[in-house]
Amino acid sequence: MTAKPLPAWRKEFLPLARPTLGEEEIQEVVETLRSGWLTTGPKVERFEGRFKEYLGIQEAVAVSSGSAGLHLALLAAGVGAGDEVITTSMSFAATANAIVLCGAKPIFADCDPDTLNIDLRGVEARITEKTKAIVPVHFAGQSCAMDELMEIARRRAVPLIEDAAHALGTEYKGRKIGALADMAVFSFHPIKTITTGEGGMVVTSDKEWAERMRLLRFHGISTSAWQRHAGGGSAQYSIQLPGFKYTMMDIQAAIGIHQMDKVDRFVERRAELAGLYCRAFKEIKGARPLGLVSYPQRHAWHIFVVQLELEKLTIDRERFLDLLKERNIGSGIHFPALHLQPYYREQWGYR
């Protein structure tokens, strides 16, 4: 007998996430459209400046996506064919794909089952002479143990590149994520702390790495289109190395400029909502939120993750998601483990 669908608790569907945009963003985009300059230009420079100011970092390179930023950061650090990069399997595809696109092999360290952040012992155990970088992910916006990770990276002489896609606004012991490691990569997808529609940012204090990423993001060309055509410079250009089209548009940056004014407010509101959820789930058996780390941090709450204890439930995960949908509540799986995805199983033999 087919079960009847349950009555919806909401009249309208509540998506997993949606952006919060104000009139300031709209007017800045309109101004950009009317200016006649839509691609990489003065708005991107302003956005990069706001980002550097917020993090207290020396260099910020705006790119077309967080995925592009990861690729450029790894290339700038010299990751290439035959190298290994230690990361986590509990992340979006971009984290491992960027490693593979450099010609390197992703080495998946274990995760802490309570927080889903990368396990320090797993990182240490997997370092070899082939290790070229370590890429931790601040899962769901909760800070990894940065002091320990930085100590491991420095002792073993490998760059530490934070996948901070979830972590704009996250702090570790009073210090902002993005201002601690050798490089950090942020995402501005609509479900992230702030959005530019699509977009990303790589930050570092290494000027040489930053300059290399600026070359790589625009076909290896030494001057941007803005510098050549609208900034009063020469129309001539030279190709220094083969690169990509990973640039951010001024239309996107116009949104980001004003989103930066709201980072802390957005994080505070997310924390309020997360607190409501945490209190509510104390009364529910078989579903528990991720654990919190013991060291001081500010959690950005990119997503609110619930782990199901299936042995305490009478339904499986798919039915749980279906029931939420029937009640007009959006949800998702974050994340299907990367080492179990077909490509990584077949290419690298992960099980």
C-alpha atoms as a PDB file:
ATOM      1  CA  MET A   1       0.000   0.000   0.000  1.00  0.00           C
ATOM      2  CA  THR A   2       1.428   3.376  -1.002  1.00  0.00           C
ATOM      3  CA  ALA A   3       1.788   5.843   1.859  1.00  0.00           C
ATOM      4  CA  LYS A   4      -0.100   9.093   1.491  1.00  0.00           C
ATOM      5  CA  PRO A   5       2.067  12.213   1.214  1.00  0.00           C
ATOM      6  CA  LEU A   6       2.248  14.195   4.417  1.00  0.00           C
ATOM      7  CA  PRO A   7       0.755  17.687   4.573  1.00  0.00           C
ATOM      8  CA  ALA A   8       3.248  20.453   3.901  1.00  0.00           C
ATOM      9  CA  TRP A   9       4.249  22.552   6.891  1.00  0.00           C
ATOM     10  CA  ARG A  10       4.993  25.531   4.674  1.00  0.00           C
ATOM     11  CA  LYS A  11       2.945  27.049   1.869  1.00  0.00           C
ATOM     12  CA  GLU A  12       6.057  27.944  -0.127  1.00  0.00           C
ATOM     13  CA  PHE A  13       9.129  25.821  -0.686  1.00  0.00           C
ATOM     14  CA  LEU A  14      12.101  26.813   1.484  1.00  0.00           C
ATOM     15  CA  PRO A  15      15.292  26.305  -0.561  1.00  0.00           C
ATOM     16  CA  LEU A  16      18.480  25.073   1.043  1.00  0.00           C
ATOM     17  CA  ALA A  17      19.904  28.582   0.642  1.00  0.00           C
ATOM     18  CA  ARG A  18      19.230  31.818  -1.163  1.00  0.00           C
ATOM     19  CA  PRO A  19      21.205  35.053  -1.489  1.00  0.00           C
ATOM     20  CA  THR A  20      20.415  38.245   0.402  1.00  0.00           C
ATOM     21  CA  LEU A  21      20.788  41.253  -1.893  1.00  0.00           C
ATOM     22  CA  GLY A  22      19.953  44.876  -1.197  1.00  0.00           C
ATOM     23  CA  GLU A  23      19.281  47.977  -3.224  1.00  0.00           C
ATOM     24  CA  GLU A  24      22.973  48.887  -2.947  1.00  0.00           C
ATOM     25  CA  GLU A  25      24.021  45.834  -4.948  1.00  0.00           C
ATOM     26  CA  ILE A  26      21.325  46.464  -7.547  1.00  0.00           C
ATOM     27  CA  GLN A  27      22.310  50.094  -8.032  1.00  0.00           C
ATOM     28  CA  GLU A  28      26.015  49.216  -8.288  1.00  0.00           C
ATOM     29  CA  VAL A  29      25.235  46.661 -11.002  1.00  0.00           C
ATOM     30  CA  VAL A  30      23.065  49.188 -12.874  1.00  0.00           C
ATOM     31  CA  GLU A  31      25.873  51.744 -12.676  1.00  0.00           C
ATOM     32  CA  THR A  32      28.279  49.147 -14.059  1.00  0.00           C
ATOM     33  CA  LEU A  33      25.969  48.320 -16.952  1.00  0.00           C
ATOM     34  CA  ARG A  34      25.589  51.990 -17.804  1.00  0.00           C
ATOM     35  CA  SER A  35      29.343  52.557 -17.631  1.00  0.00           C
ATOM     36  CA  GLY A  36      29.901  50.416 -20.709  1.00  0.00           C
ATOM     37  CA  TRP A  37      32.666  48.432 -18.997  1.00  0.00           C
ATOM     38  CA  LEU A  38      31.356  45.012 -17.977  1.00  0.00           C
ATOM     39  CA  THR A  39      34.376  42.722 -17.779  1.00  0.00           C
ATOM     40  CA  THR A  40      37.401  42.853 -15.448  1.00  0.00           C
ATOM     41  CA  GLY A  41      38.045  46.465 -14.486  1.00  0.00           C
ATOM     42  CA  PRO A  42      37.764  49.050 -11.703  1.00  0.00           C
ATOM     43  CA  LYS A  43      34.993  47.269  -9.793  1.00  0.00           C
ATOM     44  CA  VAL A  44      37.100  44.114  -9.568  1.00  0.00           C
ATOM     45  CA  GLU A  45      39.983  46.187  -8.206  1.00  0.00           C
ATOM     46  CA  ARG A  46      37.652  47.754  -5.611  1.00  0.00           C
ATOM     47  CA  PHE A  47      36.329  44.356  -4.593  1.00  0.00           C
ATOM     48  CA  GLU A  48      39.849  42.962  -4.220  1.00  0.00           C
ATOM     49  CA  GLY A  49      40.724  45.981  -2.093  1.00  0.00           C
ATOM     50  CA  ARG A  50      37.721  45.470   0.188  1.00  0.00           C
ATOM     51  CA  PHE A  51      38.640  41.818   0.590  1.00  0.00           C
ATOM     52  CA  LYS A  52      42.241  42.613   1.528  1.00  0.00           C
ATOM     53  CA  GLU A  53      41.027  45.199   4.011  1.00  0.00           C
ATOM     54  CA  TYR A  54      38.599  42.763   5.654  1.00  0.00           C
ATOM     55  CA  LEU A  55      41.162  39.987   6.081  1.00  0.00           C
ATOM     56  CA  GLY A  56      44.195  42.174   6.701  1.00  0.00           C
ATOM     57  CA  ILE A  57      46.054  40.374   3.908  1.00  0.00           C
ATOM     58  CA  GLN A  58      48.486  41.764   1.330  1.00  0.00           C
ATOM     59  CA  GLU A  59      47.260  40.174  -1.906  1.00  0.00           C
ATOM     60  CA  ALA A  60      43.808  39.246  -3.249  1.00  0.00           C
ATOM     61  CA  VAL A  61      43.159  37.851  -6.727  1.00  0.00           C
ATOM     62  CA  ALA A  62      39.523  37.791  -7.893  1.00  0.00           C
ATOM     63  CA  VAL A  63      38.591  34.880 -10.157  1.00  0.00           C
ATOM     64  CA  SER A  64      35.585  33.388 -11.916  1.00  0.00           C
ATOM     65  CA  SER A  65      34.891  30.766  -9.237  1.00  0.00           C
ATOM     66  CA  GLY A  66      36.299  29.144  -6.139  1.00  0.00           C
ATOM     67  CA  SER A  67      37.115  26.135  -8.318  1.00  0.00           C
ATOM     68  CA  ALA A  68      39.243  28.328 -10.589  1.00  0.00           C
ATOM     69  CA  GLY A  69      40.895  29.801  -7.513  1.00  0.00           C
ATOM     70  CA  LEU A  70      41.916  26.375  -6.221  1.00  0.00           C
ATOM     71  CA  HIS A  71      43.403  25.501  -9.603  1.00  0.00           C
ATOM     72  CA  LEU A  72      45.418  28.733  -9.743  1.00  0.00           C
ATOM     73  CA  ALA A  73      46.597  28.462  -6.134  1.00  0.00           C
ATOM     74  CA  LEU A  74      47.926  24.954  -6.691  1.00  0.00           C
ATOM     75  CA  LEU A  75      49.656  25.961  -9.916  1.00  0.00           C
ATOM     76  CA  ALA A  76      51.197  29.011  -8.240  1.00  0.00           C
ATOM     77  CA  ALA A  77      52.573  26.734  -5.523  1.00  0.00           C
ATOM     78  CA  GLY A  78      54.229  24.613  -8.195  1.00  0.00           C
ATOM     79  CA  VAL A  79      51.975  21.560  -8.050  1.00  0.00           C
ATOM     80  CA  GLY A  80      52.388  19.484 -11.194  1.00  0.00           C
ATOM     81  CA  ALA A  81      52.601  16.041 -12.764  1.00  0.00           C
ATOM     82  CA  GLY A  82      53.645  13.279 -10.408  1.00  0.00           C
ATOM     83  CA  ASP A  83      53.046  15.308  -7.247  1.00  0.00           C
ATOM     84  CA  GLU A  84      50.700  14.457  -4.404  1.00  0.00           C
ATOM     85  CA  VAL A  85      48.403  16.831  -2.528  1.00  0.00           C
ATOM     86  CA  ILE A  86      46.862  15.876   0.804  1.00  0.00           C
ATOM     87  CA  THR A  87      43.235  16.885   1.236  1.00  0.00           C
ATOM     88  CA  THR A  88      39.913  15.594   2.520  1.00  0.00           C
ATOM     89  CA  SER A  89      37.363  13.365   0.839  1.00  0.00           C
ATOM     90  CA  MET A  90      34.561  15.239   2.588  1.00  0.00           C
ATOM     91  CA  SER A  91      34.264  18.194   0.225  1.00  0.00           C
ATOM     92  CA  PHE A  92      32.768  19.338  -3.053  1.00  0.00           C
ATOM     93  CA  ALA A  93      34.269  17.971  -6.273  1.00  0.00           C
ATOM     94  CA  ALA A  94      36.284  21.146  -6.929  1.00  0.00           C
ATOM     95  CA  THR A  95      38.757  20.425  -4.135  1.00  0.00           C
ATOM     96  CA  ALA A  96      40.045  17.184  -5.629  1.00  0.00           C
ATOM     97  CA  ASN A  97      39.389  18.070  -9.270  1.00  0.00           C
ATOM     98  CA  ALA A  98      41.732  21.068  -9.043  1.00  0.00           C
ATOM     99  CA  ILE A  99      44.505  18.751  -7.876  1.00  0.00           C
ATOM    100  CA  VAL A 100      43.923  16.349 -10.765  1.00  0.00           C
ATOM    101  CA  LEU A 101      43.847  19.215 -13.288  1.00  0.00           C
ATOM    102  CA  CYS A 102      47.389  20.095 -12.169  1.00  0.00           C
ATOM    103  CA  GLY A 103      48.476  16.559 -13.046  1.00  0.00           C
ATOM    104  CA  ALA A 104      48.815  15.576  -9.387  1.00  0.00           C
ATOM    105  CA  LYS A 105      47.209  12.873  -7.262  1.00  0.00           C
ATOM    106  CA  PRO A 106      44.798  13.705  -4.429  1.00  0.00           C
ATOM    107  CA  ILE A 107      45.701  11.876  -1.237  1.00  0.00           C
ATOM    108  CA  PHE A 108      42.654  11.713   1.005  1.00  0.00           C
ATOM    109  CA  ALA A 109      43.310  11.989   4.735  1.00  0.00           C
ATOM    110  CA  ASP A 110      40.754  10.790   7.252  1.00  0.00           C
ATOM    111  CA  CYS A 111      38.118  13.121   8.700  1.00  0.00           C
ATOM    112  CA  ASP A 112      37.134  13.672  12.288  1.00  0.00           C
ATOM    113  CA  PRO A 113      33.770  11.851  12.433  1.00  0.00           C
ATOM    114  CA  ASP A 114      32.339  14.423  14.837  1.00  0.00           C
ATOM    115  CA  THR A 115      33.187  17.635  12.908  1.00  0.00           C
ATOM    116  CA  LEU A 116      34.047  16.257   9.428  1.00  0.00           C
ATOM    117  CA  ASN A 117      37.159  18.453   9.396  1.00  0.00           C
ATOM    118  CA  ILE A 118      40.442  16.893   8.289  1.00  0.00           C
ATOM    119  CA  ASP A 119      42.147  14.666  10.871  1.00  0.00           C
ATOM    120  CA  LEU A 120      45.617  15.890  11.888  1.00  0.00           C
ATOM    121  CA  ARG A 121      47.042  12.403  12.353  1.00  0.00           C
ATOM    122  CA  GLY A 122      45.749  11.469   8.915  1.00  0.00           C
ATOM    123  CA  VAL A 123      47.577  14.419   7.371  1.00  0.00           C
ATOM    124  CA  GLU A 124      50.875  13.616   9.077  1.00  0.00           C
ATOM    125  CA  ALA A 125      50.675   9.934   8.173  1.00  0.00           C
ATOM    126  CA  ARG A 126      50.192  10.609   4.457  1.00  0.00           C
ATOM    127  CA  ILE A 127      53.056  13.019   3.833  1.00  0.00           C
ATOM    128  CA  THR A 128      55.732  11.579   1.520  1.00  0.00           C
ATOM    129  CA  GLU A 129      58.564  12.942  -0.583  1.00  0.00           C
ATOM    130  CA  LYS A 130      55.959  13.483  -3.328  1.00  0.00           C
ATOM    131  CA  THR A 131      53.737  15.749  -1.194  1.00  0.00           C
ATOM    132  CA  LYS A 132      53.580  19.218  -2.748  1.00  0.00           C
ATOM    133  CA  ALA A 133      50.772  20.849  -0.724  1.00  0.00           C
ATOM    134  CA  ILE A 134      48.189  20.322   2.013  1.00  0.00           C
ATOM    135  CA  VAL A 135      44.621  21.512   1.325  1.00  0.00           C
ATOM    136  CA  PRO A 136      42.320  21.426   4.372  1.00  0.00           C
ATOM    137  CA  VAL A 137      38.632  22.332   4.072  1.00  0.00           C
ATOM    138  CA  HIS A 138      36.896  24.272   6.843  1.00  0.00           C
ATOM    139  CA  PHE A 139      33.863  22.041   6.667  1.00  0.00           C
ATOM    140  CA  ALA A 140      30.507  23.855   6.813  1.00  0.00           C
ATOM    141  CA  GLY A 141      32.316  26.974   8.024  1.00  0.00           C
ATOM    142  CA  GLN A 142      33.931  25.474  11.139  1.00  0.00           C
ATOM    143  CA  SER A 143      37.642  26.176  11.480  1.00  0.00           C
ATOM    144  CA  CYS A 144      40.214  23.428  11.165  1.00  0.00           C
ATOM    145  CA  ALA A 145      42.985  23.260  13.788  1.00  0.00           C
ATOM    146  CA  MET A 146      45.173  25.812  12.039  1.00  0.00           C
ATOM    147  CA  ASP A 147      48.068  25.999  14.521  1.00  0.00           C
ATOM    148  CA  GLU A 148      48.683  22.282  14.205  1.00  0.00           C
ATOM    149  CA  LEU A 149      48.229  22.254  10.428  1.00  0.00           C
ATOM    150  CA  MET A 150      50.623  25.183   9.989  1.00  0.00           C
ATOM    151  CA  GLU A 151      53.185  23.466  12.215  1.00  0.00           C
ATOM    152  CA  ILE A 152      52.982  20.269  10.156  1.00  0.00           C
ATOM    153  CA  ALA A 153      53.237  22.172   6.876  1.00  0.00           C
ATOM    154  CA  ARG A 154      56.237  24.224   7.973  1.00  0.00           C
ATOM    155  CA  ARG A 155      58.043  21.285   9.524  1.00  0.00           C
ATOM    156  CA  ARG A 156      57.563  19.243   6.354  1.00  0.00           C
ATOM    157  CA  ALA A 157      58.251  22.267   4.093  1.00  0.00           C
ATOM    158  CA  VAL A 158      55.029  22.102   2.046  1.00  0.00           C
ATOM    159  CA  PRO A 159      52.558  24.949   1.357  1.00  0.00           C
ATOM    160  CA  LEU A 160      49.300  25.033   3.298  1.00  0.00           C
ATOM    161  CA  ILE A 161      46.451  26.123   1.005  1.00  0.00           C
ATOM    162  CA  GLU A 162      43.096  26.567   2.731  1.00  0.00           C
ATOM    163  CA  ASP A 163      39.949  25.632   0.859  1.00  0.00           C
ATOM    164  CA  ALA A 164      37.958  28.353   2.596  1.00  0.00           C
ATOM    165  CA  ALA A 165      34.936  28.146   0.287  1.00  0.00           C
ATOM    166  CA  HIS A 166      32.724  27.625   3.355  1.00  0.00           C
ATOM    167  CA  ALA A 167      34.601  29.937   5.655  1.00  0.00           C
ATOM    168  CA  LEU A 168      34.367  33.646   4.852  1.00  0.00           C
ATOM    169  CA  GLY A 169      33.776  35.172   8.281  1.00  0.00           C
ATOM    170  CA  THR A 170      35.181  32.171  10.145  1.00  0.00           C
ATOM    171  CA  GLU A 171      37.753  32.962  12.820  1.00  0.00           C
ATOM    172  CA  TYR A 172      40.310  30.730  14.519  1.00  0.00           C
ATOM    173  CA  LYS A 173      41.439  31.890  17.963  1.00  0.00           C
ATOM    174  CA  GLY A 174      40.483  35.458  17.081  1.00  0.00           C
ATOM    175  CA  ARG A 175      42.221  35.441  13.683  1.00  0.00           C
ATOM    176  CA  LYS A 176      40.312  35.460  10.415  1.00  0.00           C
ATOM    177  CA  ILE A 177      40.481  32.407   8.190  1.00  0.00           C
ATOM    178  CA  GLY A 178      42.327  33.500   5.067  1.00  0.00           C
ATOM    179  CA  ALA A 179      45.000  35.410   6.964  1.00  0.00           C
ATOM    180  CA  LEU A 180      46.788  32.386   8.432  1.00  0.00           C
ATOM    181  CA  ALA A 181      47.992  29.909   5.805  1.00  0.00           C
ATOM    182  CA  ASP A 182      50.188  30.374   2.728  1.00  0.00           C
ATOM    183  CA  MET A 183      47.107  30.803   0.547  1.00  0.00           C
ATOM    184  CA  ALA A 184      43.342  30.595   0.978  1.00  0.00           C
ATOM    185  CA  VAL A 185      40.571  30.259  -1.593  1.00  0.00           C
ATOM    186  CA  PHE A 186      37.030  31.594  -1.142  1.00  0.00           C
ATOM    187  CA  SER A 187      33.841  31.019  -3.133  1.00  0.00           C
ATOM    188  CA  PHE A 188      31.014  33.458  -3.860  1.00  0.00           C
ATOM    189  CA  HIS A 189      28.433  30.984  -5.140  1.00  0.00           C
ATOM    190  CA  PRO A 190      24.885  32.020  -4.124  1.00  0.00           C
ATOM    191  CA  ILE A 191      24.806  29.627  -1.154  1.00  0.00           C
ATOM    192  CA  LYS A 192      28.039  30.972   0.380  1.00  0.00           C
ATOM    193  CA  THR A 193      28.458  33.659   3.083  1.00  0.00           C
ATOM    194  CA  ILE A 194      28.408  36.361   0.399  1.00  0.00           C
ATOM    195  CA  THR A 195      27.717  36.043  -3.301  1.00  0.00           C
ATOM    196  CA  THR A 196      28.666  37.542  -6.633  1.00  0.00           C
ATOM    197  CA  GLY A 197      26.490  35.049  -8.526  1.00  0.00           C
ATOM    198  CA  GLU A 198      29.561  33.037  -9.403  1.00  0.00           C
ATOM    199  CA  GLY A 199      33.066  34.015  -8.402  1.00  0.00           C
ATOM    200  CA  GLY A 200      35.982  33.395  -6.091  1.00  0.00           C
ATOM    201  CA  MET A 201      39.012  34.988  -4.458  1.00  0.00           C
ATOM    202  CA  VAL A 202      42.525  33.754  -3.709  1.00  0.00           C
ATOM    203  CA  VAL A 203      44.428  35.517  -0.936  1.00  0.00           C
ATOM    204  CA  THR A 204      48.090  35.317   0.046  1.00  0.00           C
ATOM    205  CA  SER A 205      50.931  37.364   1.470  1.00  0.00           C
ATOM    206  CA  ASP A 206      53.302  36.079  -1.223  1.00  0.00           C
ATOM    207  CA  LYS A 207      53.557  38.700  -3.976  1.00  0.00           C
ATOM    208  CA  GLU A 208      55.205  36.311  -6.466  1.00  0.00           C
ATOM    209  CA  TRP A 209      52.404  33.784  -6.095  1.00  0.00           C
ATOM    210  CA  ALA A 210      49.821  36.536  -6.510  1.00  0.00           C
ATOM    211  CA  GLU A 211      51.459  37.845  -9.676  1.00  0.00           C
ATOM    212  CA  ARG A 212      51.634  34.344 -11.127  1.00  0.00           C
ATOM    213  CA  MET A 213      47.928  33.834 -10.449  1.00  0.00           C
ATOM    214  CA  ARG A 214      47.098  37.162 -12.103  1.00  0.00           C
ATOM    215  CA  LEU A 215      48.961  36.017 -15.191  1.00  0.00           C
ATOM    216  CA  LEU A 216      47.326  32.593 -15.203  1.00  0.00           C
ATOM    217  CA  ARG A 217      43.785  33.925 -14.735  1.00  0.00           C
ATOM    218  CA  PHE A 218      43.961  35.854 -18.044  1.00  0.00           C
ATOM    219  CA  HIS A 219      45.694  33.656 -20.625  1.00  0.00           C
ATOM    220  CA  GLY A 220      49.158  34.434 -19.263  1.00  0.00           C
ATOM    221  CA  ILE A 221      48.880  37.999 -20.606  1.00  0.00           C
ATOM    222  CA  SER A 222      50.917  40.587 -18.745  1.00  0.00           C
ATOM    223  CA  THR A 223      48.302  43.380 -18.787  1.00  0.00           C
ATOM    224  CA  SER A 224      44.541  43.264 -18.287  1.00  0.00           C
ATOM    225  CA  ALA A 225      42.014  44.506 -20.825  1.00  0.00           C
ATOM    226  CA  TRP A 226      41.193  47.401 -18.474  1.00  0.00           C
ATOM    227  CA  GLN A 227      44.846  48.441 -18.297  1.00  0.00           C
ATOM    228  CA  ARG A 228      45.202  48.272 -22.088  1.00  0.00           C
ATOM    229  CA  HIS A 229      41.946  49.779 -23.326  1.00  0.00           C
ATOM    230  CA  ALA A 230      40.264  51.839 -20.624  1.00  0.00           C
ATOM    231  CA  GLY A 231      43.090  52.669 -18.272  1.00  0.00           C
ATOM    232  CA  GLY A 232      45.156  54.739 -20.682  1.00  0.00           C
ATOM    233  CA  GLY A 233      47.841  52.108 -21.276  1.00  0.00           C
ATOM    234  CA  SER A 234      49.297  50.589 -24.417  1.00  0.00           C
ATOM    235  CA  ALA A 235      47.121  48.332 -26.564  1.00  0.00           C
ATOM    236  CA  GLN A 236      50.079  45.961 -26.906  1.00  0.00           C
ATOM    237  CA  TYR A 237      50.366  42.877 -24.736  1.00  0.00           C
ATOM    238  CA  SER A 238      52.671  39.907 -24.306  1.00  0.00           C
ATOM    239  CA  ILE A 239      51.915  36.319 -23.348  1.00  0.00           C
ATOM    240  CA  GLN A 240      54.232  35.240 -20.546  1.00  0.00           C
ATOM    241  CA  LEU A 241      52.907  31.691 -20.166  1.00  0.00           C
ATOM    242  CA  PRO A 242      49.853  29.645 -21.217  1.00  0.00           C
ATOM    243  CA  GLY A 243      46.966  30.546 -18.942  1.00  0.00           C
ATOM    244  CA  PHE A 244      43.205  30.380 -18.585  1.00  0.00           C
ATOM    245  CA  LYS A 245      40.127  32.598 -18.733  1.00  0.00           C
ATOM    246  CA  TYR A 246      39.443  32.674 -15.016  1.00  0.00           C
ATOM    247  CA  THR A 247      38.678  36.386 -14.654  1.00  0.00           C
ATOM    248  CA  MET A 248      35.834  37.941 -12.664  1.00  0.00           C
ATOM    249  CA  MET A 249      33.577  40.500 -14.357  1.00  0.00           C
ATOM    250  CA  ASP A 250      32.906  43.983 -13.021  1.00  0.00           C
ATOM    251  CA  ILE A 251      29.207  43.054 -12.995  1.00  0.00           C
ATOM    252  CA  GLN A 252      29.987  40.363 -10.421  1.00  0.00           C
ATOM    253  CA  ALA A 253      32.371  42.531  -8.417  1.00  0.00           C
ATOM    254  CA  ALA A 254      29.722  45.265  -8.228  1.00  0.00           C
ATOM    255  CA  ILE A 255      27.641  42.890  -6.117  1.00  0.00           C
ATOM    256  CA  GLY A 256      30.608  41.783  -4.037  1.00  0.00           C
ATOM    257  CA  ILE A 257      31.668  45.312  -3.082  1.00  0.00           C
ATOM    258  CA  HIS A 258      28.477  45.805  -1.065  1.00  0.00           C
ATOM    259  CA  GLN A 259      28.225  42.205   0.106  1.00  0.00           C
ATOM    260  CA  MET A 260      31.544  42.754   1.910  1.00  0.00           C
ATOM    261  CA  ASP A 261      29.845  45.362   4.102  1.00  0.00           C
ATOM    262  CA  LYS A 262      27.483  42.635   5.332  1.00  0.00           C
ATOM    263  CA  VAL A 263      29.807  39.680   6.009  1.00  0.00           C
ATOM    264  CA  ASP A 264      29.748  39.938   9.791  1.00  0.00           C
ATOM    265  CA  ARG A 265      26.004  40.599   9.892  1.00  0.00           C
ATOM    266  CA  PHE A 266      25.352  37.569   7.674  1.00  0.00           C
ATOM    267  CA  VAL A 267      27.526  35.334   9.877  1.00  0.00           C
ATOM    268  CA  GLU A 268      25.818  36.572  13.050  1.00  0.00           C
ATOM    269  CA  ARG A 269      22.388  35.825  11.590  1.00  0.00           C
ATOM    270  CA  ARG A 270      23.483  32.365  10.499  1.00  0.00           C
ATOM    271  CA  ALA A 271      24.753  31.727  14.028  1.00  0.00           C
ATOM    272  CA  GLU A 272      21.364  32.753  15.463  1.00  0.00           C
ATOM    273  CA  LEU A 273      19.558  30.308  13.184  1.00  0.00           C
ATOM    274  CA  ALA A 274      22.079  27.555  13.907  1.00  0.00           C
ATOM    275  CA  GLY A 275      21.463  28.058  17.618  1.00  0.00           C
ATOM    276  CA  LEU A 276      17.733  27.538  17.091  1.00  0.00           C
ATOM    277  CA  TYR A 277      18.391  24.343  15.151  1.00  0.00           C
ATOM    278  CA  CYS A 278      20.858  23.017  17.742  1.00  0.00           C
ATOM    279  CA  ARG A 279      18.343  23.514  20.547  1.00  0.00           C
ATOM    280  CA  ALA A 280      15.568  21.895  18.519  1.00  0.00           C
ATOM    281  CA  PHE A 281      17.619  18.829  17.614  1.00  0.00           C
ATOM    282  CA  LYS A 282      18.343  18.099  21.272  1.00  0.00           C
ATOM    283  CA  GLU A 283      14.767  16.822  21.435  1.00  0.00           C
ATOM    284  CA  ILE A 284      15.076  14.600  18.361  1.00  0.00           C
ATOM    285  CA  LYS A 285      16.443  11.066  18.560  1.00  0.00           C
ATOM    286  CA  GLY A 286      18.381   9.702  15.613  1.00  0.00           C
ATOM    287  CA  ALA A 287      19.430  13.035  14.105  1.00  0.00           C
ATOM    288  CA  ARG A 288      22.235  15.129  15.559  1.00  0.00           C
ATOM    289  CA  PRO A 289      24.119  18.226  14.401  1.00  0.00           C
ATOM    290  CA  LEU A 290      27.858  18.072  13.786  1.00  0.00           C
ATOM    291  CA  GLY A 291      29.988  18.493  16.876  1.00  0.00           C
ATOM    292  CA  LEU A 292      31.818  21.721  17.636  1.00  0.00           C
ATOM    293  CA  VAL A 293      35.579  22.034  18.059  1.00  0.00           C
ATOM    294  CA  SER A 294      37.038  22.667  21.520  1.00  0.00           C
ATOM    295  CA  TYR A 295      39.302  25.596  20.599  1.00  0.00           C
ATOM    296  CA  PRO A 296      38.056  29.211  20.267  1.00  0.00           C
ATOM    297  CA  GLN A 297      36.514  29.969  16.885  1.00  0.00           C
ATOM    298  CA  ARG A 298      33.774  31.868  15.106  1.00  0.00           C
ATOM    299  CA  HIS A 299      31.771  29.431  12.990  1.00  0.00           C
ATOM    300  CA  ALA A 300      30.495  30.860   9.679  1.00  0.00           C
ATOM    301  CA  TRP A 301      27.687  28.258   9.459  1.00  0.00           C
ATOM    302  CA  HIS A 302      27.847  27.914   5.677  1.00  0.00           C
ATOM    303  CA  ILE A 303      25.470  24.979   6.006  1.00  0.00           C
ATOM    304  CA  PHE A 304      23.795  23.302   8.960  1.00  0.00           C
ATOM    305  CA  VAL A 305      24.662  19.610   8.796  1.00  0.00           C
ATOM    306  CA  VAL A 306      22.690  16.882  10.525  1.00  0.00           C
ATOM    307  CA  GLN A 307      24.058  13.364  10.853  1.00  0.00           C
ATOM    308  CA  LEU A 308      21.464  10.607  10.878  1.00  0.00           C
ATOM    309  CA  GLU A 309      21.898   7.718  13.294  1.00  0.00           C
ATOM    310  CA  LEU A 310      20.086   5.220  11.119  1.00  0.00           C
ATOM    311  CA  GLU A 311      20.112   2.497  13.777  1.00  0.00           C
ATOM    312  CA  LYS A 312      17.753   4.715  15.799  1.00  0.00           C
ATOM    313  CA  LEU A 313      15.421   5.459  12.864  1.00  0.00           C
ATOM    314  CA  THR A 314      12.822   3.457  10.959  1.00  0.00           C
ATOM    315  CA  ILE A 315      13.620   5.157   7.622  1.00  0.00           C
ATOM    316  CA  ASP A 316      16.746   5.582   5.518  1.00  0.00           C
ATOM    317  CA  ARG A 317      18.427   8.826   4.452  1.00  0.00           C
ATOM    318  CA  GLU A 318      16.617   9.071   1.115  1.00  0.00           C
ATOM    319  CA  ARG A 319      13.228   8.769   2.798  1.00  0.00           C
ATOM    320  CA  PHE A 320      14.278  11.384   5.351  1.00  0.00           C
ATOM    321  CA  LEU A 321      15.078  13.811   2.504  1.00  0.00           C
ATOM    322  CA  ASP A 322      11.799  12.969   0.772  1.00  0.00           C
ATOM    323  CA  LEU A 323       9.839  13.747   3.923  1.00  0.00           C
ATOM    324  CA  LEU A 324      11.511  17.135   4.208  1.00  0.00           C
ATOM    325  CA  LYS A 325      10.636  17.849   0.589  1.00  0.00           C
ATOM    326  CA  GLU A 326       7.002  16.877   1.191  1.00  0.00           C
ATOM    327  CA  ARG A 327       6.980  19.516   3.914  1.00  0.00           C
ATOM    328  CA  ASN A 328       8.403  22.119   1.501  1.00  0.00           C
ATOM    329  CA  ILE A 329      11.814  22.127   3.193  1.00  0.00           C
ATOM    330  CA  GLY A 330      14.900  22.010   1.001  1.00  0.00           C
ATOM    331  CA  SER A 331      17.904  19.868   1.918  1.00  0.00           C
ATOM    332  CA  GLY A 332      20.874  18.153   0.322  1.00  0.00           C
ATOM    333  CA  ILE A 333      23.731  15.720   0.874  1.00  0.00           C
ATOM    334  CA  HIS A 334      26.980  17.448   1.832  1.00  0.00           C
ATOM    335  CA  PHE A 335      28.974  15.746   0.571  1.00  0.00           C
ATOM    336  CA  PRO A 336      29.062  12.432  -1.250  1.00  0.00           C
ATOM    337  CA  ALA A 337      32.575  11.270  -0.322  1.00  0.00           C
ATOM    338  CA  LEU A 338      35.017  12.064  -3.131  1.00  0.00           C
ATOM    339  CA  HIS A 339      37.006   8.849  -2.833  1.00  0.00           C
ATOM    340  CA  LEU A 340      33.824   6.879  -3.577  1.00  0.00           C
ATOM    341  CA  GLN A 341      33.000   8.811  -6.761  1.00  0.00           C
ATOM    342  CA  PRO A 342      33.400   6.731  -9.958  1.00  0.00           C
ATOM    343  CA  TYR A 343      36.356   8.684 -11.364  1.00  0.00           C
ATOM    344  CA  TYR A 344      38.431   8.474  -8.187  1.00  0.00           C
ATOM    345  CA  ARG A 345      37.588   4.821  -7.646  1.00  0.00           C
ATOM    346  CA  GLU A 346      38.536   3.890 -11.201  1.00  0.00           C
ATOM    347  CA  GLN A 347      41.519   6.217 -11.675  1.00  0.00           C
ATOM    348  CA  TRP A 348      43.183   5.858  -8.288  1.00  0.00           C
ATOM    349  CA  GLY A 349      41.708   2.656  -6.879  1.00  0.00           C
ATOM    350  CA  TYR A 350      40.081   4.252  -3.838  1.00  0.00           C
ATOM    351  CA  ARG A 351      37.565   2.147  -1.963  1.00  0.00           C
END
